[in-house]
Amino acid sequence: MRHRRVDDLMTPTAVSVQRGTSFKEIARLLDEYGITAVPVVDEGRPVGVVSEADLLRRQAGRAGTGTAATAEGLMTSPPVVARPEWSAVEAARVMEEARVKRLLVVDRAGFLIGVISRSDLLRVFLRRDRAIQEEILEDVLTRTLGLSPSALTVEVGDGRVTLSGTVERRSLVPITVRLCESVDGVIEVVDRLTYEHDDTAS
């Protein structure tokens, strides 16, 4: 199984600003590109993020004076970053722990290559039911578990997977369910599986 990665979902960096970019220029860029935040970079490496909220705080007079009129004074720093090879789940976990709405994506050298937002991560759950069903049949059942695709019935509706049929051993039931739960786009797995032999009995 191949999980959707950050580099599959991120938006390649279209706009960024320097430390000395002015308040007005940042506001113009947010409006022009229809975005809610912009990365602040220094020689290609991210050093912070300026969001609409940062601009509003400045306007409300709570951000101080002097450098607060530039990106350096407005930005939230250090930025929370992600790596392109991370899975969507890893990115979501970091986003939740850091309580941020977006992550800056950096390569191995630390250069900014993209931005991934909460809405980007939600795209994982917009996969078509047919694609989810095919991945479960081909990757989970056939390749991973070595079962015939016809051994079990896999029904998918709105990301909800229902498994029915009979497996050889009882221990395979939780394994099958867990593997299906890990497929991108699956919201819930309903287990209606039965088994021929109980290999868990002591």
N, C-alpha and C. Protein backbone atom coordinates (compact mmCIF):
# COMPACT_ATOMS: atom_id res chain seq x y z
N MET A 1 0.84 -1.19 0.00
CA MET A 1 0.00 0.00 0.00
C MET A 1 0.88 1.25 0.00
N ARG A 2 0.47 2.21 -0.79
CA ARG A 2 1.21 3.47 -0.82
C ARG A 2 0.32 4.58 -0.27
N HIS A 3 0.72 5.12 0.88
CA HIS A 3 -0.06 6.20 1.46
C HIS A 3 0.26 7.52 0.77
N ARG A 4 -0.74 8.38 0.70
CA ARG A 4 -0.52 9.70 0.14
C ARG A 4 0.49 10.43 1.01
N ARG A 5 1.47 11.04 0.36
CA ARG A 5 2.53 11.73 1.08
C ARG A 5 2.32 13.23 1.01
N VAL A 6 3.10 13.91 1.85
CA VAL A 6 3.02 15.37 1.87
C VAL A 6 3.27 15.95 0.49
N ASP A 7 4.26 15.41 -0.24
CA ASP A 7 4.57 15.98 -1.56
C ASP A 7 3.49 15.67 -2.60
N ASP A 8 2.57 14.73 -2.28
CA ASP A 8 1.42 14.49 -3.16
C ASP A 8 0.33 15.54 -2.94
N LEU A 9 0.28 16.07 -1.72
CA LEU A 9 -0.84 16.91 -1.32
C LEU A 9 -0.51 18.39 -1.20
N MET A 10 0.77 18.70 -1.01
CA MET A 10 1.16 20.09 -0.75
C MET A 10 0.95 20.99 -1.97
N THR A 11 0.89 22.26 -1.69
CA THR A 11 0.89 23.27 -2.75
C THR A 11 2.32 23.77 -2.93
N PRO A 12 2.92 23.61 -4.10
CA PRO A 12 4.28 24.14 -4.30
C PRO A 12 4.29 25.64 -4.00
N THR A 13 5.36 26.09 -3.39
CA THR A 13 5.42 27.48 -2.96
C THR A 13 5.29 28.44 -4.14
N ALA A 14 4.20 29.21 -4.13
CA ALA A 14 3.97 30.18 -5.20
C ALA A 14 4.43 31.56 -4.78
N VAL A 15 4.41 31.82 -3.49
CA VAL A 15 4.76 33.16 -3.00
C VAL A 15 5.38 33.05 -1.62
N SER A 16 6.38 33.87 -1.39
CA SER A 16 6.99 33.99 -0.07
C SER A 16 7.52 35.41 0.06
N VAL A 17 7.89 35.79 1.26
CA VAL A 17 8.40 37.14 1.49
C VAL A 17 9.72 37.07 2.24
N GLN A 18 10.42 38.21 2.26
CA GLN A 18 11.68 38.33 2.99
C GLN A 18 11.41 38.98 4.35
N ARG A 19 12.42 38.96 5.19
CA ARG A 19 12.29 39.55 6.52
C ARG A 19 11.83 41.01 6.46
N GLY A 20 12.32 41.73 5.47
CA GLY A 20 12.05 43.16 5.41
C GLY A 20 10.81 43.56 4.63
N THR A 21 10.04 42.57 4.15
CA THR A 21 8.83 42.89 3.39
C THR A 21 7.84 43.65 4.27
N SER A 22 7.25 44.69 3.72
CA SER A 22 6.38 45.57 4.52
C SER A 22 5.00 44.96 4.77
N PHE A 23 4.34 45.51 5.78
CA PHE A 23 2.98 45.12 6.13
C PHE A 23 2.06 45.22 4.91
N LYS A 24 2.11 46.36 4.22
CA LYS A 24 1.21 46.58 3.09
C LYS A 24 1.46 45.59 1.96
N GLU A 25 2.73 45.27 1.71
CA GLU A 25 3.05 44.33 0.64
C GLU A 25 2.56 42.93 1.00
N ILE A 26 2.70 42.57 2.26
CA ILE A 26 2.21 41.25 2.69
C ILE A 26 0.70 41.18 2.52
N ALA A 27 0.00 42.24 2.95
CA ALA A 27 -1.46 42.27 2.82
C ALA A 27 -1.87 42.18 1.35
N ARG A 28 -1.12 42.84 0.48
CA ARG A 28 -1.43 42.80 -0.95
C ARG A 28 -1.26 41.40 -1.51
N LEU A 29 -0.19 40.73 -1.10
CA LEU A 29 0.08 39.37 -1.59
C LEU A 29 -1.00 38.38 -1.12
N LEU A 30 -1.41 38.50 0.14
CA LEU A 30 -2.46 37.61 0.65
C LEU A 30 -3.73 37.78 -0.16
N ASP A 31 -4.04 39.03 -0.48
CA ASP A 31 -5.26 39.31 -1.26
C ASP A 31 -5.11 38.84 -2.70
N GLU A 32 -3.97 39.12 -3.31
CA GLU A 32 -3.76 38.77 -4.72
C GLU A 32 -3.80 37.27 -4.96
N TYR A 33 -3.19 36.50 -4.06
CA TYR A 33 -3.10 35.05 -4.25
C TYR A 33 -4.22 34.29 -3.55
N GLY A 34 -5.09 35.00 -2.81
CA GLY A 34 -6.20 34.35 -2.13
C GLY A 34 -5.76 33.37 -1.07
N ILE A 35 -4.70 33.74 -0.32
CA ILE A 35 -4.16 32.87 0.72
C ILE A 35 -4.30 33.54 2.08
N THR A 36 -4.15 32.77 3.13
CA THR A 36 -4.33 33.31 4.49
C THR A 36 -3.02 33.48 5.25
N ALA A 37 -1.92 33.04 4.65
CA ALA A 37 -0.61 33.17 5.31
C ALA A 37 0.48 33.07 4.26
N VAL A 38 1.64 33.61 4.59
CA VAL A 38 2.76 33.59 3.65
C VAL A 38 4.05 33.24 4.40
N PRO A 39 4.89 32.35 3.84
CA PRO A 39 6.15 32.01 4.49
C PRO A 39 7.14 33.18 4.40
N VAL A 40 7.95 33.32 5.43
CA VAL A 40 9.06 34.29 5.43
C VAL A 40 10.34 33.48 5.26
N VAL A 41 11.14 33.83 4.24
CA VAL A 41 12.34 33.06 3.96
C VAL A 41 13.59 33.93 4.04
N ASP A 42 14.67 33.27 4.33
CA ASP A 42 15.99 33.91 4.34
C ASP A 42 16.90 33.03 3.52
N GLU A 43 17.28 33.49 2.33
CA GLU A 43 18.10 32.72 1.39
C GLU A 43 17.46 31.36 1.10
N GLY A 44 16.15 31.36 0.93
CA GLY A 44 15.44 30.16 0.53
C GLY A 44 14.98 29.26 1.65
N ARG A 45 15.42 29.54 2.87
CA ARG A 45 15.03 28.70 4.01
C ARG A 45 14.00 29.44 4.86
N PRO A 46 12.93 28.77 5.27
CA PRO A 46 11.88 29.45 6.03
C PRO A 46 12.32 29.81 7.44
N VAL A 47 11.97 31.03 7.84
CA VAL A 47 12.32 31.49 9.20
C VAL A 47 11.06 31.86 9.98
N GLY A 48 9.90 31.88 9.30
CA GLY A 48 8.67 32.22 9.99
C GLY A 48 7.49 32.22 9.05
N VAL A 49 6.33 32.57 9.59
CA VAL A 49 5.09 32.65 8.83
C VAL A 49 4.34 33.89 9.27
N VAL A 50 3.80 34.64 8.30
CA VAL A 50 2.93 35.77 8.63
C VAL A 50 1.53 35.41 8.15
N SER A 51 0.56 35.45 9.06
CA SER A 51 -0.81 35.11 8.72
C SER A 51 -1.70 36.34 8.79
N GLU A 52 -2.93 36.19 8.33
CA GLU A 52 -3.91 37.26 8.45
C GLU A 52 -4.07 37.69 9.90
N ALA A 53 -4.04 36.70 10.80
CA ALA A 53 -4.19 37.01 12.23
C ALA A 53 -3.05 37.90 12.72
N ASP A 54 -1.84 37.66 12.22
CA ASP A 54 -0.69 38.50 12.61
C ASP A 54 -0.90 39.93 12.15
N LEU A 55 -1.41 40.10 10.94
CA LEU A 55 -1.67 41.44 10.42
C LEU A 55 -2.75 42.15 11.23
N LEU A 56 -3.79 41.41 11.58
CA LEU A 56 -4.88 42.00 12.36
C LEU A 56 -4.41 42.42 13.75
N ARG A 57 -3.53 41.61 14.34
CA ARG A 57 -2.99 41.97 15.67
C ARG A 57 -2.19 43.27 15.58
N ARG A 58 -1.42 43.39 14.48
CA ARG A 58 -0.64 44.61 14.27
C ARG A 58 -1.57 45.82 14.14
N GLN A 59 -2.64 45.66 13.38
CA GLN A 59 -3.59 46.74 13.18
C GLN A 59 -4.29 47.12 14.49
N ALA A 60 -4.47 46.12 15.34
CA ALA A 60 -5.14 46.38 16.62
C ALA A 60 -4.19 47.00 17.63
N GLY A 61 -2.91 47.14 17.23
CA GLY A 61 -1.95 47.80 18.10
C GLY A 61 -1.34 46.93 19.17
N ARG A 62 -1.44 45.59 18.96
CA ARG A 62 -0.91 44.71 19.99
C ARG A 62 0.42 44.08 19.61
N ALA A 63 0.98 44.48 18.46
CA ALA A 63 2.22 43.85 18.00
C ALA A 63 3.44 44.73 18.21
N GLY A 64 3.30 45.81 18.90
CA GLY A 64 4.46 46.66 19.16
C GLY A 64 4.73 47.61 18.03
N THR A 65 5.94 48.16 17.96
CA THR A 65 6.30 49.14 16.94
C THR A 65 7.60 48.74 16.27
N GLY A 66 8.13 49.63 15.45
CA GLY A 66 9.43 49.38 14.80
C GLY A 66 9.35 48.28 13.78
N THR A 67 10.09 47.17 14.03
CA THR A 67 10.16 46.08 13.05
C THR A 67 8.82 45.37 12.90
N ALA A 68 7.83 45.65 13.76
CA ALA A 68 6.53 45.00 13.63
C ALA A 68 5.84 45.37 12.32
N ALA A 69 6.32 46.42 11.67
CA ALA A 69 5.73 46.83 10.39
C ALA A 69 6.30 46.03 9.23
N THR A 70 7.23 45.11 9.50
CA THR A 70 7.81 44.25 8.47
C THR A 70 7.54 42.80 8.82
N ALA A 71 7.82 41.93 7.86
CA ALA A 71 7.61 40.50 8.08
C ALA A 71 8.35 39.99 9.30
N GLU A 72 9.55 40.48 9.51
CA GLU A 72 10.35 40.00 10.64
C GLU A 72 9.66 40.28 11.97
N GLY A 73 9.03 41.43 12.08
CA GLY A 73 8.35 41.77 13.32
C GLY A 73 6.97 41.17 13.44
N LEU A 74 6.36 40.82 12.33
CA LEU A 74 5.00 40.28 12.32
C LEU A 74 4.96 38.76 12.43
N MET A 75 6.01 38.10 11.97
CA MET A 75 5.95 36.65 11.78
C MET A 75 5.92 35.86 13.07
N THR A 76 5.35 34.67 12.96
CA THR A 76 5.43 33.67 14.01
C THR A 76 6.65 32.82 13.69
N SER A 77 7.54 32.70 14.66
CA SER A 77 8.80 32.01 14.42
C SER A 77 9.20 31.22 15.66
N PRO A 78 9.87 30.07 15.49
CA PRO A 78 10.22 29.42 14.23
C PRO A 78 8.99 28.75 13.61
N PRO A 79 9.01 28.55 12.29
CA PRO A 79 7.88 27.90 11.64
C PRO A 79 7.86 26.41 11.94
N VAL A 80 6.68 25.83 11.90
CA VAL A 80 6.55 24.37 12.04
C VAL A 80 6.65 23.79 10.64
N VAL A 81 7.56 22.85 10.47
CA VAL A 81 7.84 22.34 9.12
C VAL A 81 7.51 20.86 8.99
N ALA A 82 7.39 20.43 7.75
CA ALA A 82 7.16 19.03 7.41
C ALA A 82 8.15 18.62 6.33
N ARG A 83 8.36 17.32 6.20
CA ARG A 83 9.20 16.79 5.13
C ARG A 83 8.33 16.22 4.03
N PRO A 84 8.75 16.29 2.79
CA PRO A 84 7.92 15.82 1.66
C PRO A 84 7.57 14.35 1.73
N GLU A 85 8.42 13.55 2.38
CA GLU A 85 8.17 12.11 2.41
C GLU A 85 7.24 11.68 3.53
N TRP A 86 6.84 12.60 4.39
CA TRP A 86 5.92 12.25 5.47
C TRP A 86 4.58 11.79 4.90
N SER A 87 3.90 10.92 5.62
CA SER A 87 2.54 10.54 5.25
C SER A 87 1.58 11.65 5.69
N ALA A 88 0.39 11.62 5.13
CA ALA A 88 -0.64 12.60 5.51
C ALA A 88 -0.94 12.50 7.00
N VAL A 89 -0.89 11.28 7.53
CA VAL A 89 -1.17 11.08 8.96
C VAL A 89 -0.10 11.76 9.82
N GLU A 90 1.17 11.61 9.44
CA GLU A 90 2.25 12.25 10.19
C GLU A 90 2.08 13.77 10.19
N ALA A 91 1.77 14.32 9.02
CA ALA A 91 1.60 15.77 8.91
C ALA A 91 0.43 16.24 9.76
N ALA A 92 -0.67 15.49 9.73
CA ALA A 92 -1.85 15.87 10.52
C ALA A 92 -1.53 15.83 12.01
N ARG A 93 -0.74 14.84 12.43
CA ARG A 93 -0.38 14.72 13.85
C ARG A 93 0.45 15.92 14.30
N VAL A 94 1.43 16.30 13.50
CA VAL A 94 2.27 17.44 13.85
C VAL A 94 1.45 18.73 13.86
N MET A 95 0.56 18.86 12.89
CA MET A 95 -0.29 20.04 12.81
C MET A 95 -1.16 20.17 14.07
N GLU A 96 -1.70 19.04 14.50
CA GLU A 96 -2.56 19.03 15.68
C GLU A 96 -1.76 19.34 16.95
N GLU A 97 -0.59 18.71 17.07
CA GLU A 97 0.24 18.92 18.26
C GLU A 97 0.71 20.37 18.37
N ALA A 98 1.06 20.97 17.22
CA ALA A 98 1.56 22.34 17.21
C ALA A 98 0.43 23.37 17.17
N ARG A 99 -0.80 22.88 16.95
CA ARG A 99 -1.97 23.76 16.88
C ARG A 99 -1.81 24.84 15.80
N VAL A 100 -1.41 24.37 14.63
CA VAL A 100 -1.26 25.27 13.50
C VAL A 100 -2.15 24.79 12.36
N LYS A 101 -2.44 25.69 11.41
CA LYS A 101 -3.32 25.38 10.30
C LYS A 101 -2.57 24.95 9.06
N ARG A 102 -1.24 25.11 9.10
CA ARG A 102 -0.45 24.76 7.91
C ARG A 102 0.98 24.43 8.33
N LEU A 103 1.68 23.69 7.50
CA LEU A 103 3.09 23.36 7.71
C LEU A 103 3.87 23.78 6.49
N LEU A 104 5.06 24.32 6.71
CA LEU A 104 5.96 24.62 5.60
C LEU A 104 6.74 23.35 5.29
N VAL A 105 6.81 23.02 4.02
CA VAL A 105 7.49 21.79 3.60
C VAL A 105 8.91 22.13 3.15
N VAL A 106 9.88 21.46 3.73
CA VAL A 106 11.29 21.73 3.41
C VAL A 106 11.97 20.46 2.94
N ASP A 107 12.97 20.65 2.06
CA ASP A 107 13.74 19.50 1.59
C ASP A 107 14.85 19.19 2.58
N ARG A 108 15.70 18.24 2.24
CA ARG A 108 16.74 17.80 3.17
C ARG A 108 17.72 18.91 3.52
N ALA A 109 17.87 19.88 2.62
CA ALA A 109 18.78 21.00 2.88
C ALA A 109 18.09 22.14 3.63
N GLY A 110 16.81 21.97 3.91
CA GLY A 110 16.09 22.99 4.65
C GLY A 110 15.47 24.08 3.80
N PHE A 111 15.50 23.90 2.47
CA PHE A 111 14.91 24.91 1.58
C PHE A 111 13.40 24.70 1.46
N LEU A 112 12.67 25.78 1.40
CA LEU A 112 11.23 25.74 1.28
C LEU A 112 10.81 25.24 -0.09
N ILE A 113 9.95 24.21 -0.13
CA ILE A 113 9.50 23.68 -1.41
C ILE A 113 7.97 23.68 -1.53
N GLY A 114 7.28 23.95 -0.42
CA GLY A 114 5.83 23.94 -0.51
C GLY A 114 5.17 24.24 0.82
N VAL A 115 3.85 24.25 0.79
CA VAL A 115 3.05 24.47 1.99
C VAL A 115 1.92 23.45 1.97
N ILE A 116 1.65 22.84 3.12
CA ILE A 116 0.52 21.93 3.23
C ILE A 116 -0.41 22.43 4.32
N SER A 117 -1.68 22.51 4.00
CA SER A 117 -2.67 23.06 4.93
C SER A 117 -3.64 21.97 5.37
N ARG A 118 -4.49 22.32 6.32
CA ARG A 118 -5.49 21.36 6.77
C ARG A 118 -6.42 20.95 5.63
N SER A 119 -6.76 21.90 4.77
CA SER A 119 -7.64 21.57 3.65
C SER A 119 -6.96 20.61 2.67
N ASP A 120 -5.63 20.72 2.52
CA ASP A 120 -4.89 19.78 1.67
C ASP A 120 -4.99 18.36 2.23
N LEU A 121 -4.85 18.24 3.56
CA LEU A 121 -4.92 16.92 4.19
C LEU A 121 -6.30 16.31 4.07
N LEU A 122 -7.32 17.14 4.09
CA LEU A 122 -8.69 16.63 3.97
C LEU A 122 -8.96 16.02 2.60
N ARG A 123 -8.13 16.38 1.61
CA ARG A 123 -8.30 15.81 0.27
C ARG A 123 -8.13 14.29 0.27
N VAL A 124 -7.39 13.77 1.26
CA VAL A 124 -7.21 12.33 1.37
C VAL A 124 -8.56 11.64 1.50
N PHE A 125 -9.49 12.31 2.21
CA PHE A 125 -10.78 11.69 2.46
C PHE A 125 -11.79 11.95 1.34
N LEU A 126 -11.32 12.57 0.27
CA LEU A 126 -12.19 12.80 -0.88
C LEU A 126 -11.94 11.77 -1.99
N ARG A 127 -11.16 10.73 -1.66
CA ARG A 127 -10.92 9.67 -2.64
C ARG A 127 -12.23 9.00 -3.01
N ARG A 128 -12.35 8.60 -4.25
CA ARG A 128 -13.55 7.90 -4.71
C ARG A 128 -13.65 6.53 -4.03
N ASP A 129 -14.86 6.14 -3.73
CA ASP A 129 -15.08 4.84 -3.08
C ASP A 129 -14.51 3.70 -3.90
N ARG A 130 -14.62 3.82 -5.23
CA ARG A 130 -14.13 2.75 -6.10
C ARG A 130 -12.61 2.60 -5.95
N ALA A 131 -11.90 3.71 -5.83
CA ALA A 131 -10.44 3.65 -5.67
C ALA A 131 -10.07 3.00 -4.35
N ILE A 132 -10.83 3.30 -3.29
CA ILE A 132 -10.59 2.69 -1.99
C ILE A 132 -10.83 1.19 -2.06
N GLN A 133 -11.94 0.82 -2.69
CA GLN A 133 -12.28 -0.60 -2.82
C GLN A 133 -11.20 -1.37 -3.58
N GLU A 134 -10.74 -0.80 -4.67
CA GLU A 134 -9.70 -1.46 -5.48
C GLU A 134 -8.41 -1.62 -4.70
N GLU A 135 -8.04 -0.61 -3.91
CA GLU A 135 -6.80 -0.72 -3.13
C GLU A 135 -6.92 -1.82 -2.07
N ILE A 136 -8.10 -1.91 -1.44
CA ILE A 136 -8.29 -2.95 -0.43
C ILE A 136 -8.23 -4.33 -1.08
N LEU A 137 -8.90 -4.50 -2.20
CA LEU A 137 -8.92 -5.81 -2.87
C LEU A 137 -7.54 -6.21 -3.38
N GLU A 138 -6.86 -5.26 -4.03
CA GLU A 138 -5.58 -5.58 -4.68
C GLU A 138 -4.40 -5.56 -3.71
N ASP A 139 -4.32 -4.51 -2.90
CA ASP A 139 -3.14 -4.36 -2.04
C ASP A 139 -3.29 -5.06 -0.70
N VAL A 140 -4.44 -4.86 -0.03
CA VAL A 140 -4.60 -5.45 1.30
C VAL A 140 -4.85 -6.95 1.21
N LEU A 141 -5.89 -7.34 0.47
CA LEU A 141 -6.26 -8.75 0.45
C LEU A 141 -5.30 -9.61 -0.37
N THR A 142 -5.01 -9.19 -1.59
CA THR A 142 -4.20 -10.03 -2.48
C THR A 142 -2.71 -9.97 -2.16
N ARG A 143 -2.12 -8.76 -2.22
CA ARG A 143 -0.67 -8.66 -2.05
C ARG A 143 -0.21 -8.84 -0.61
N THR A 144 -0.90 -8.20 0.32
CA THR A 144 -0.43 -8.24 1.71
C THR A 144 -0.85 -9.51 2.44
N LEU A 145 -2.11 -9.89 2.32
CA LEU A 145 -2.61 -11.05 3.07
C LEU A 145 -2.59 -12.34 2.26
N GLY A 146 -2.37 -12.24 0.95
CA GLY A 146 -2.31 -13.44 0.12
C GLY A 146 -3.65 -14.13 -0.07
N LEU A 147 -4.74 -13.37 0.05
CA LEU A 147 -6.08 -13.93 -0.13
C LEU A 147 -6.56 -13.71 -1.55
N SER A 148 -7.52 -14.51 -1.95
CA SER A 148 -8.15 -14.29 -3.25
C SER A 148 -9.08 -13.08 -3.13
N PRO A 149 -9.12 -12.21 -4.15
CA PRO A 149 -10.00 -11.05 -4.10
C PRO A 149 -11.47 -11.43 -3.88
N SER A 150 -11.82 -12.68 -4.26
CA SER A 150 -13.20 -13.13 -4.11
C SER A 150 -13.46 -13.76 -2.74
N ALA A 151 -12.41 -13.84 -1.91
CA ALA A 151 -12.56 -14.48 -0.61
C ALA A 151 -13.46 -13.68 0.32
N LEU A 152 -13.41 -12.37 0.20
CA LEU A 152 -14.20 -11.49 1.05
C LEU A 152 -14.99 -10.51 0.20
N THR A 153 -16.05 -10.00 0.77
CA THR A 153 -16.83 -8.96 0.10
C THR A 153 -16.45 -7.62 0.71
N VAL A 154 -16.08 -6.67 -0.15
CA VAL A 154 -15.67 -5.34 0.30
C VAL A 154 -16.63 -4.33 -0.30
N GLU A 155 -17.42 -3.69 0.56
CA GLU A 155 -18.34 -2.66 0.11
C GLU A 155 -17.88 -1.33 0.68
N VAL A 156 -17.88 -0.29 -0.15
CA VAL A 156 -17.42 1.03 0.27
C VAL A 156 -18.47 2.07 -0.10
N GLY A 157 -18.85 2.87 0.88
CA GLY A 157 -19.79 3.96 0.65
C GLY A 157 -19.42 5.17 1.47
N ASP A 158 -19.11 6.26 0.80
CA ASP A 158 -18.71 7.50 1.49
C ASP A 158 -17.54 7.28 2.45
N GLY A 159 -16.58 6.43 2.02
CA GLY A 159 -15.40 6.18 2.84
C GLY A 159 -15.62 5.16 3.94
N ARG A 160 -16.83 4.62 4.05
CA ARG A 160 -17.15 3.63 5.08
C ARG A 160 -17.03 2.24 4.46
N VAL A 161 -16.14 1.41 4.99
CA VAL A 161 -15.85 0.09 4.43
C VAL A 161 -16.56 -0.98 5.25
N THR A 162 -17.28 -1.86 4.56
CA THR A 162 -17.91 -3.00 5.23
C THR A 162 -17.27 -4.27 4.70
N LEU A 163 -16.70 -5.06 5.61
CA LEU A 163 -16.04 -6.31 5.26
C LEU A 163 -16.93 -7.47 5.69
N SER A 164 -17.17 -8.40 4.77
CA SER A 164 -17.93 -9.60 5.12
C SER A 164 -17.32 -10.79 4.41
N GLY A 165 -17.59 -11.98 4.94
CA GLY A 165 -17.00 -13.19 4.41
C GLY A 165 -16.28 -13.96 5.49
N THR A 166 -15.57 -14.99 5.10
CA THR A 166 -14.93 -15.88 6.07
C THR A 166 -13.44 -15.99 5.79
N VAL A 167 -12.65 -15.81 6.84
CA VAL A 167 -11.20 -16.02 6.75
C VAL A 167 -10.86 -17.33 7.43
N GLU A 168 -9.67 -17.83 7.17
CA GLU A 168 -9.29 -19.15 7.68
C GLU A 168 -9.10 -19.12 9.20
N ARG A 169 -8.40 -18.07 9.70
CA ARG A 169 -8.05 -18.05 11.12
C ARG A 169 -8.63 -16.81 11.80
N ARG A 170 -9.00 -16.95 13.04
CA ARG A 170 -9.58 -15.83 13.80
C ARG A 170 -8.60 -14.67 13.93
N SER A 171 -7.31 -14.99 14.06
CA SER A 171 -6.30 -13.94 14.25
C SER A 171 -6.19 -13.02 13.03
N LEU A 172 -6.69 -13.48 11.87
CA LEU A 172 -6.64 -12.66 10.67
C LEU A 172 -7.67 -11.54 10.68
N VAL A 173 -8.70 -11.70 11.47
CA VAL A 173 -9.78 -10.70 11.47
C VAL A 173 -9.29 -9.32 11.89
N PRO A 174 -8.68 -9.17 13.09
CA PRO A 174 -8.22 -7.82 13.48
C PRO A 174 -7.11 -7.28 12.58
N ILE A 175 -6.30 -8.17 12.02
CA ILE A 175 -5.23 -7.74 11.11
C ILE A 175 -5.85 -7.15 9.84
N THR A 176 -6.85 -7.85 9.30
CA THR A 176 -7.50 -7.37 8.08
C THR A 176 -8.18 -6.02 8.31
N VAL A 177 -8.87 -5.91 9.44
CA VAL A 177 -9.56 -4.66 9.76
C VAL A 177 -8.56 -3.52 9.90
N ARG A 178 -7.47 -3.77 10.62
CA ARG A 178 -6.46 -2.73 10.86
C ARG A 178 -5.82 -2.27 9.54
N LEU A 179 -5.53 -3.21 8.65
CA LEU A 179 -4.93 -2.85 7.37
C LEU A 179 -5.90 -2.02 6.53
N CYS A 180 -7.18 -2.36 6.57
CA CYS A 180 -8.18 -1.59 5.82
C CYS A 180 -8.33 -0.19 6.41
N GLU A 181 -8.26 -0.08 7.72
CA GLU A 181 -8.36 1.23 8.37
C GLU A 181 -7.21 2.15 7.96
N SER A 182 -6.07 1.56 7.60
CA SER A 182 -4.90 2.36 7.25
C SER A 182 -4.90 2.85 5.81
N VAL A 183 -5.86 2.40 5.03
CA VAL A 183 -5.95 2.83 3.62
C VAL A 183 -6.41 4.28 3.57
N ASP A 184 -5.73 5.08 2.79
CA ASP A 184 -6.09 6.50 2.67
C ASP A 184 -7.53 6.66 2.20
N GLY A 185 -8.27 7.52 2.89
CA GLY A 185 -9.65 7.79 2.51
C GLY A 185 -10.67 7.01 3.30
N VAL A 186 -10.22 5.99 4.05
CA VAL A 186 -11.15 5.18 4.84
C VAL A 186 -11.48 5.93 6.13
N ILE A 187 -12.77 6.11 6.36
CA ILE A 187 -13.24 6.81 7.54
C ILE A 187 -13.60 5.84 8.65
N GLU A 188 -14.15 4.68 8.26
CA GLU A 188 -14.59 3.69 9.24
C GLU A 188 -14.59 2.32 8.59
N VAL A 189 -14.34 1.26 9.37
CA VAL A 189 -14.42 -0.11 8.89
C VAL A 189 -15.44 -0.86 9.74
N VAL A 190 -16.44 -1.43 9.07
CA VAL A 190 -17.45 -2.24 9.75
C VAL A 190 -17.05 -3.71 9.56
N ASP A 191 -16.82 -4.39 10.66
CA ASP A 191 -16.32 -5.76 10.64
C ASP A 191 -17.47 -6.75 10.74
N ARG A 192 -17.73 -7.47 9.64
CA ARG A 192 -18.73 -8.53 9.64
C ARG A 192 -18.09 -9.86 9.24
N LEU A 193 -16.81 -9.98 9.54
CA LEU A 193 -16.04 -11.16 9.16
C LEU A 193 -16.29 -12.32 10.13
N THR A 194 -16.27 -13.53 9.58
CA THR A 194 -16.30 -14.74 10.40
C THR A 194 -15.01 -15.53 10.12
N TYR A 195 -14.80 -16.61 10.86
CA TYR A 195 -13.56 -17.37 10.69
C TYR A 195 -13.86 -18.86 10.81
N GLU A 196 -12.96 -19.67 10.22
CA GLU A 196 -13.14 -21.12 10.23
C GLU A 196 -12.53 -21.76 11.48
N HIS A 197 -11.35 -21.26 11.87
CA HIS A 197 -10.65 -21.86 13.01
C HIS A 197 -10.25 -20.75 14.00
N ASP A 198 -10.42 -21.06 15.29
CA ASP A 198 -10.02 -20.12 16.33
C ASP A 198 -8.61 -20.47 16.78
N ASP A 199 -7.63 -19.74 16.23
CA ASP A 199 -6.23 -19.98 16.60
C ASP A 199 -5.80 -19.11 17.76
N THR A 200 -6.75 -18.43 18.39
CA THR A 200 -6.40 -17.57 19.54
C THR A 200 -6.79 -18.23 20.87
N ALA A 201 -7.50 -19.35 20.81
CA ALA A 201 -7.95 -20.00 22.04
C ALA A 201 -6.76 -20.61 22.76
N SER A 202 -6.75 -20.45 24.06
CA SER A 202 -5.63 -20.99 24.85
C SER A 202 -5.93 -22.40 25.29
